[in-house]
Every structure is written in C-alpha cells, then in structure tokens.
C-alpha cells in the first residue's frame, strides 16, 4: 500500500473508472476507516 503521509499534500487528481479522485479524499477515507478499526480494537 502507498504511504499517503509521505506524499505531497497537493497532487493532481487520479483518474479512475469512477472519475477523478483526489489524494486528499482517499486519505480522509482511509483515516476514517483506520480510526474506526482502532476504536474497535481497544
């Protein structure tokens, strides 16, 4: 998996089959999932 924390904060959108996706939106989605997983493991 790509370590999003080492990437520059402003990158061009990634063009996927669903349409352009920004790195920031992906990072936020993963952060939310990681937070939920962390809370469940406590």
Protein backbone atom coordinates (compact mmCIF):
# COMPACT_ATOMS: atom_id res chain seq x y z
CA UNK A 1 0.00 0.00 0.00
CA UNK A 2 1.17 3.53 -0.71
CA UNK A 3 2.13 5.53 2.38
CA UNK A 4 -0.05 8.60 1.90
CA UNK A 5 1.74 10.53 4.66
CA UNK A 6 4.92 10.87 2.58
CA UNK A 7 3.15 12.23 -0.49
CA UNK A 8 2.92 15.96 -1.08
CA UNK A 9 -0.42 17.34 0.04
CA UNK A 10 -1.33 18.72 -3.38
CA UNK A 11 -1.32 16.21 -6.19
CA UNK A 12 -3.27 16.12 -9.43
CA UNK A 13 -6.45 14.04 -9.27
CA UNK A 14 -6.11 10.37 -10.05
CA UNK A 15 -8.30 9.39 -12.97
CA UNK A 16 -10.13 6.16 -12.20
CA UNK A 17 -13.05 4.35 -13.77
CA UNK A 18 -15.33 6.17 -11.34
CA UNK A 19 -13.90 9.54 -12.33
CA UNK A 20 -11.15 11.74 -10.92
CA UNK A 21 -10.35 11.06 -7.28
CA UNK A 22 -8.21 13.39 -5.23
CA UNK A 23 -5.49 12.02 -2.97
CA UNK A 24 -6.87 14.07 -0.11
CA UNK A 25 -10.29 12.46 -0.32
CA UNK A 26 -8.70 8.99 -0.41
CA UNK A 27 -6.52 9.84 2.58
CA UNK A 28 -9.53 11.08 4.56
CA UNK A 29 -11.48 7.94 3.77
CA UNK A 30 -8.62 5.71 4.91
CA UNK A 31 -8.13 7.81 8.03
CA UNK A 32 -11.77 7.35 8.98
CA UNK A 33 -11.54 3.60 8.46
CA UNK A 34 -8.34 3.40 10.49
CA UNK A 35 -9.91 5.39 13.32
CA UNK A 36 -12.90 3.05 13.41
CA UNK A 37 -10.66 -0.01 13.38
CA UNK A 38 -8.55 1.45 16.18
CA UNK A 39 -11.57 2.14 18.35
CA UNK A 40 -12.91 -1.39 17.86
CA UNK A 41 -9.59 -2.96 18.87
CA UNK A 42 -9.43 -1.07 22.19
